[in-house]
């Protein structure tokens, strides 16, 4: 018995019209201004890098493309308290050009540092930039599933209390993405 047959029997038992359901509504067209945001970026890796950097900057992240130097970072203790450390350095397993997001795989202590730090420094290899979220998840599926897989798109923001925008409440307050040389991301830390 199909779902339609079942619903027809229920309608008949309730004394309701058993005529077929209304036809599905037409699929709405996508407004022209939204179409470029839905279509995956295409092109050479340099194009993906430019698309990623522009999207990440729109979300509020800072993007440095090596060999540029990021701001000077204070040294970290060997195993810093995630709530006291001035920053945390991680390596992205993938980046999504369409949204400017980075995909981070982390064990529980590192995931806490990612979410609790005032400044998250993300090292990103240019070859890890993919066009869409689906591509990033396909890339991630090839690796063992970590305890945490986090997608970060710029600094954490919320405006749920009295409509006042607050940054860094449930995630990093600043996100600095360093594309290229990992030594630049570590910046002698």
C-alpha atoms as a PDB file:
ATOM      1  CA  UNK A   1       0.000   0.000   0.000  1.00  0.00           C
ATOM      2  CA  UNK A   2       1.368   3.393  -0.970  1.00  0.00           C
ATOM      3  CA  UNK A   3       1.237   6.404   1.350  1.00  0.00           C
ATOM      4  CA  UNK A   4      -1.345   7.987  -0.977  1.00  0.00           C
ATOM      5  CA  UNK A   5      -3.593   4.897  -0.656  1.00  0.00           C
ATOM      6  CA  UNK A   6      -3.246   4.986   3.120  1.00  0.00           C
ATOM      7  CA  UNK A   7      -4.179   8.678   3.320  1.00  0.00           C
ATOM      8  CA  UNK A   8      -7.152   8.090   0.952  1.00  0.00           C
ATOM      9  CA  UNK A   9      -8.448   5.324   3.259  1.00  0.00           C
ATOM     10  CA  UNK A  10      -8.051   7.582   6.311  1.00  0.00           C
ATOM     11  CA  UNK A  11      -9.903  10.422   4.560  1.00  0.00           C
ATOM     12  CA  UNK A  12     -12.706   8.036   3.538  1.00  0.00           C
ATOM     13  CA  UNK A  13     -13.003   6.698   7.107  1.00  0.00           C
ATOM     14  CA  UNK A  14     -13.254  10.270   8.392  1.00  0.00           C
ATOM     15  CA  UNK A  15     -15.831  11.138   5.743  1.00  0.00           C
ATOM     16  CA  UNK A  16     -13.552  13.594   3.976  1.00  0.00           C
ATOM     17  CA  UNK A  17     -12.969  14.159   0.279  1.00  0.00           C
ATOM     18  CA  UNK A  18     -10.900  11.312  -1.169  1.00  0.00           C
ATOM     19  CA  UNK A  19      -9.902  13.115  -4.347  1.00  0.00           C
ATOM     20  CA  UNK A  20      -6.197  13.152  -5.122  1.00  0.00           C
ATOM     21  CA  UNK A  21      -4.014  15.675  -3.366  1.00  0.00           C
ATOM     22  CA  UNK A  22      -3.349  19.049  -4.929  1.00  0.00           C
ATOM     23  CA  UNK A  23      -0.507  19.192  -7.432  1.00  0.00           C
ATOM     24  CA  UNK A  24       2.874  20.227  -6.101  1.00  0.00           C
ATOM     25  CA  UNK A  25       3.520  23.975  -6.237  1.00  0.00           C
ATOM     26  CA  UNK A  26       5.887  25.171  -8.940  1.00  0.00           C
ATOM     27  CA  UNK A  27       9.559  25.372  -8.021  1.00  0.00           C
ATOM     28  CA  UNK A  28      10.409  29.041  -7.421  1.00  0.00           C
ATOM     29  CA  UNK A  29      13.058  30.645  -9.542  1.00  0.00           C
ATOM     30  CA  UNK A  30      16.201  31.860  -7.838  1.00  0.00           C
ATOM     31  CA  UNK A  31      16.532  35.657  -7.820  1.00  0.00           C
ATOM     32  CA  UNK A  32      19.396  36.765 -10.094  1.00  0.00           C
ATOM     33  CA  UNK A  33      21.383  38.342  -7.238  1.00  0.00           C
ATOM     34  CA  UNK A  34      21.370  35.087  -5.274  1.00  0.00           C
ATOM     35  CA  UNK A  35      22.385  32.785  -8.148  1.00  0.00           C
ATOM     36  CA  UNK A  36      26.145  33.539  -7.973  1.00  0.00           C
ATOM     37  CA  UNK A  37      26.133  32.722  -4.242  1.00  0.00           C
ATOM     38  CA  UNK A  38      24.540  29.304  -4.876  1.00  0.00           C
ATOM     39  CA  UNK A  39      26.629  28.227  -7.845  1.00  0.00           C
ATOM     40  CA  UNK A  40      29.938  26.649  -6.883  1.00  0.00           C
ATOM     41  CA  UNK A  41      32.987  28.660  -7.848  1.00  0.00           C
ATOM     42  CA  UNK A  42      34.885  27.180 -10.736  1.00  0.00           C
ATOM     43  CA  UNK A  43      38.296  27.614 -12.190  1.00  0.00           C
ATOM     44  CA  UNK A  44      41.926  27.239 -11.354  1.00  0.00           C
ATOM     45  CA  UNK A  45      43.249  26.910  -7.778  1.00  0.00           C
ATOM     46  CA  UNK A  46      44.229  30.601  -7.836  1.00  0.00           C
ATOM     47  CA  UNK A  47      40.591  31.460  -8.605  1.00  0.00           C
ATOM     48  CA  UNK A  48      39.432  29.278  -5.697  1.00  0.00           C
ATOM     49  CA  UNK A  49      41.949  31.002  -3.420  1.00  0.00           C
ATOM     50  CA  UNK A  50      40.687  34.446  -4.453  1.00  0.00           C
ATOM     51  CA  UNK A  51      37.046  33.354  -4.036  1.00  0.00           C
ATOM     52  CA  UNK A  52      37.802  31.808  -0.641  1.00  0.00           C
ATOM     53  CA  UNK A  53      39.728  34.869   0.598  1.00  0.00           C
ATOM     54  CA  UNK A  54      36.946  37.255  -0.479  1.00  0.00           C
ATOM     55  CA  UNK A  55      34.224  35.142   1.180  1.00  0.00           C
ATOM     56  CA  UNK A  56      36.271  34.697   4.380  1.00  0.00           C
ATOM     57  CA  UNK A  57      36.879  38.442   4.608  1.00  0.00           C
ATOM     58  CA  UNK A  58      33.154  39.113   4.120  1.00  0.00           C
ATOM     59  CA  UNK A  59      32.468  36.854   7.125  1.00  0.00           C
ATOM     60  CA  UNK A  60      34.874  38.893   9.261  1.00  0.00           C
ATOM     61  CA  UNK A  61      37.951  36.645   9.108  1.00  0.00           C
ATOM     62  CA  UNK A  62      41.391  38.072   8.418  1.00  0.00           C
ATOM     63  CA  UNK A  63      43.221  36.323   5.575  1.00  0.00           C
ATOM     64  CA  UNK A  64      46.994  36.437   5.080  1.00  0.00           C
ATOM     65  CA  UNK A  65      48.498  34.813   2.014  1.00  0.00           C
ATOM     66  CA  UNK A  66      52.126  33.780   2.638  1.00  0.00           C
ATOM     67  CA  UNK A  67      54.764  35.142   2.372  1.00  0.00           C
ATOM     68  CA  UNK A  68      52.948  38.075   4.015  1.00  0.00           C
ATOM     69  CA  UNK A  69      53.489  38.181   7.759  1.00  0.00           C
ATOM     70  CA  UNK A  70      50.540  37.973  10.162  1.00  0.00           C
ATOM     71  CA  UNK A  71      50.430  40.163  13.247  1.00  0.00           C
ATOM     72  CA  UNK A  72      53.008  39.282  15.918  1.00  0.00           C
ATOM     73  CA  UNK A  73      51.599  36.643  18.246  1.00  0.00           C
ATOM     74  CA  UNK A  74      52.593  36.200  21.882  1.00  0.00           C
ATOM     75  CA  UNK A  75      54.285  32.870  22.738  1.00  0.00           C
ATOM     76  CA  UNK A  76      52.146  29.987  23.967  1.00  0.00           C
ATOM     77  CA  UNK A  77      52.800  27.773  26.970  1.00  0.00           C
ATOM     78  CA  UNK A  78      53.440  24.092  26.032  1.00  0.00           C
ATOM     79  CA  UNK A  79      49.919  23.004  27.044  1.00  0.00           C
ATOM     80  CA  UNK A  80      47.961  26.212  27.537  1.00  0.00           C
ATOM     81  CA  UNK A  81      44.732  26.447  29.463  1.00  0.00           C
ATOM     82  CA  UNK A  82      42.157  26.859  26.665  1.00  0.00           C
ATOM     83  CA  UNK A  83      40.441  29.662  28.571  1.00  0.00           C
ATOM     84  CA  UNK A  84      43.669  31.543  29.353  1.00  0.00           C
ATOM     85  CA  UNK A  85      45.635  31.140  26.107  1.00  0.00           C
ATOM     86  CA  UNK A  86      45.832  34.321  24.002  1.00  0.00           C
ATOM     87  CA  UNK A  87      45.435  32.338  20.768  1.00  0.00           C
ATOM     88  CA  UNK A  88      45.371  28.838  19.321  1.00  0.00           C
ATOM     89  CA  UNK A  89      46.997  27.616  16.096  1.00  0.00           C
ATOM     90  CA  UNK A  90      45.351  24.832  14.050  1.00  0.00           C
ATOM     91  CA  UNK A  91      45.632  23.407  10.541  1.00  0.00           C
ATOM     92  CA  UNK A  92      42.522  23.248   8.358  1.00  0.00           C
ATOM     93  CA  UNK A  93      41.739  19.923   6.743  1.00  0.00           C
ATOM     94  CA  UNK A  94      39.739  21.710   4.024  1.00  0.00           C
ATOM     95  CA  UNK A  95      38.402  25.144   3.121  1.00  0.00           C
ATOM     96  CA  UNK A  96      35.190  26.029   1.300  1.00  0.00           C
ATOM     97  CA  UNK A  97      35.627  28.699  -1.363  1.00  0.00           C
ATOM     98  CA  UNK A  98      31.908  29.472  -1.673  1.00  0.00           C
ATOM     99  CA  UNK A  99      31.513  30.470   1.999  1.00  0.00           C
ATOM    100  CA  UNK A 100      35.041  31.270   3.183  1.00  0.00           C
ATOM    101  CA  UNK A 101      34.728  28.534   5.825  1.00  0.00           C
ATOM    102  CA  UNK A 102      37.458  26.247   7.136  1.00  0.00           C
ATOM    103  CA  UNK A 103      36.931  22.629   8.186  1.00  0.00           C
ATOM    104  CA  UNK A 104      38.822  21.656  11.332  1.00  0.00           C
ATOM    105  CA  UNK A 105      39.267  18.097  12.630  1.00  0.00           C
ATOM    106  CA  UNK A 106      40.146  17.990  16.314  1.00  0.00           C
ATOM    107  CA  UNK A 107      40.280  15.818  19.387  1.00  0.00           C
ATOM    108  CA  UNK A 108      38.244  17.070  22.380  1.00  0.00           C
ATOM    109  CA  UNK A 109      40.981  19.241  24.009  1.00  0.00           C
ATOM    110  CA  UNK A 110      41.836  20.916  20.690  1.00  0.00           C
ATOM    111  CA  UNK A 111      38.154  21.450  19.883  1.00  0.00           C
ATOM    112  CA  UNK A 112      37.719  23.258  23.204  1.00  0.00           C
ATOM    113  CA  UNK A 113      40.696  25.473  22.368  1.00  0.00           C
ATOM    114  CA  UNK A 114      39.175  26.250  18.948  1.00  0.00           C
ATOM    115  CA  UNK A 115      35.926  27.368  20.552  1.00  0.00           C
ATOM    116  CA  UNK A 116      37.363  29.113  23.644  1.00  0.00           C
ATOM    117  CA  UNK A 117      40.230  31.117  22.193  1.00  0.00           C
ATOM    118  CA  UNK A 118      39.994  34.865  21.597  1.00  0.00           C
ATOM    119  CA  UNK A 119      42.149  34.492  18.439  1.00  0.00           C
ATOM    120  CA  UNK A 120      42.069  31.396  16.238  1.00  0.00           C
ATOM    121  CA  UNK A 121      45.000  31.164  13.815  1.00  0.00           C
ATOM    122  CA  UNK A 122      44.269  28.691  11.024  1.00  0.00           C
ATOM    123  CA  UNK A 123      46.979  27.382   8.698  1.00  0.00           C
ATOM    124  CA  UNK A 124      45.543  26.472   5.289  1.00  0.00           C
ATOM    125  CA  UNK A 125      47.289  24.770   2.399  1.00  0.00           C
ATOM    126  CA  UNK A 126      46.058  26.266  -0.910  1.00  0.00           C
ATOM    127  CA  UNK A 127      45.534  22.730  -2.284  1.00  0.00           C
ATOM    128  CA  UNK A 128      42.937  22.097   0.457  1.00  0.00           C
ATOM    129  CA  UNK A 129      40.534  24.739  -0.903  1.00  0.00           C
ATOM    130  CA  UNK A 130      37.491  23.155  -2.560  1.00  0.00           C
ATOM    131  CA  UNK A 131      34.512  24.839  -4.247  1.00  0.00           C
ATOM    132  CA  UNK A 132      31.595  23.755  -2.001  1.00  0.00           C
ATOM    133  CA  UNK A 133      30.620  22.243   1.343  1.00  0.00           C
ATOM    134  CA  UNK A 134      29.778  18.971  -0.438  1.00  0.00           C
ATOM    135  CA  UNK A 135      33.335  18.849  -1.814  1.00  0.00           C
ATOM    136  CA  UNK A 136      34.792  19.529   1.652  1.00  0.00           C
ATOM    137  CA  UNK A 137      32.697  16.764   3.210  1.00  0.00           C
ATOM    138  CA  UNK A 138      33.677  14.345   0.426  1.00  0.00           C
ATOM    139  CA  UNK A 139      37.322  15.189   1.085  1.00  0.00           C
ATOM    140  CA  UNK A 140      36.779  14.688   4.834  1.00  0.00           C
ATOM    141  CA  UNK A 141      35.053  11.330   4.286  1.00  0.00           C
ATOM    142  CA  UNK A 142      38.334   9.931   2.965  1.00  0.00           C
ATOM    143  CA  UNK A 143      39.918  10.357   6.427  1.00  0.00           C
ATOM    144  CA  UNK A 144      39.053   8.638   9.720  1.00  0.00           C
ATOM    145  CA  UNK A 145      36.233  10.369  11.585  1.00  0.00           C
ATOM    146  CA  UNK A 146      37.698  12.567  14.350  1.00  0.00           C
ATOM    147  CA  UNK A 147      36.064  13.203  17.701  1.00  0.00           C
ATOM    148  CA  UNK A 148      35.090  16.686  16.470  1.00  0.00           C
ATOM    149  CA  UNK A 149      34.708  18.150  13.012  1.00  0.00           C
ATOM    150  CA  UNK A 150      34.068  21.891  13.169  1.00  0.00           C
ATOM    151  CA  UNK A 151      33.271  24.336  10.372  1.00  0.00           C
ATOM    152  CA  UNK A 152      34.363  27.883  11.208  1.00  0.00           C
ATOM    153  CA  UNK A 153      33.174  30.821   9.128  1.00  0.00           C
ATOM    154  CA  UNK A 154      34.695  33.950  10.620  1.00  0.00           C
ATOM    155  CA  UNK A 155      34.429  35.084  14.220  1.00  0.00           C
ATOM    156  CA  UNK A 156      31.573  33.838  16.380  1.00  0.00           C
ATOM    157  CA  UNK A 157      28.675  36.296  16.469  1.00  0.00           C
ATOM    158  CA  UNK A 158      25.320  36.421  18.216  1.00  0.00           C
ATOM    159  CA  UNK A 159      22.634  39.060  18.624  1.00  0.00           C
ATOM    160  CA  UNK A 160      20.025  37.069  20.497  1.00  0.00           C
ATOM    161  CA  UNK A 161      20.080  39.171  23.673  1.00  0.00           C
ATOM    162  CA  UNK A 162      18.297  42.479  23.146  1.00  0.00           C
ATOM    163  CA  UNK A 163      19.422  42.465  19.501  1.00  0.00           C
ATOM    164  CA  UNK A 164      22.944  43.631  20.403  1.00  0.00           C
ATOM    165  CA  UNK A 165      25.689  42.058  18.255  1.00  0.00           C
ATOM    166  CA  UNK A 166      28.355  40.386  20.388  1.00  0.00           C
ATOM    167  CA  UNK A 167      31.464  38.732  18.936  1.00  0.00           C
ATOM    168  CA  UNK A 168      33.337  35.760  20.392  1.00  0.00           C
ATOM    169  CA  UNK A 169      30.690  34.369  22.751  1.00  0.00           C
ATOM    170  CA  UNK A 170      30.466  30.739  21.575  1.00  0.00           C
ATOM    171  CA  UNK A 171      33.546  30.583  19.398  1.00  0.00           C
ATOM    172  CA  UNK A 172      36.670  32.552  18.535  1.00  0.00           C
ATOM    173  CA  UNK A 173      36.516  36.329  18.728  1.00  0.00           C
ATOM    174  CA  UNK A 174      38.955  36.718  15.809  1.00  0.00           C
ATOM    175  CA  UNK A 175      39.870  34.319  13.037  1.00  0.00           C
ATOM    176  CA  UNK A 176      43.167  34.722  11.200  1.00  0.00           C
ATOM    177  CA  UNK A 177      43.611  32.384   8.223  1.00  0.00           C
ATOM    178  CA  UNK A 178      47.176  32.024   6.961  1.00  0.00           C
ATOM    179  CA  UNK A 179      47.276  30.484   3.498  1.00  0.00           C
ATOM    180  CA  UNK A 180      50.540  28.835   2.496  1.00  0.00           C
ATOM    181  CA  UNK A 181      53.697  28.352   4.516  1.00  0.00           C
ATOM    182  CA  UNK A 182      52.990  26.694   7.906  1.00  0.00           C
ATOM    183  CA  UNK A 183      55.975  28.510   9.437  1.00  0.00           C
ATOM    184  CA  UNK A 184      54.145  31.782   8.789  1.00  0.00           C
ATOM    185  CA  UNK A 185      51.087  30.464  10.638  1.00  0.00           C
ATOM    186  CA  UNK A 186      53.211  29.346  13.593  1.00  0.00           C
ATOM    187  CA  UNK A 187      55.068  32.686  13.327  1.00  0.00           C
ATOM    188  CA  UNK A 188      57.878  31.509  15.565  1.00  0.00           C
ATOM    189  CA  UNK A 189      55.396  30.686  18.323  1.00  0.00           C
END
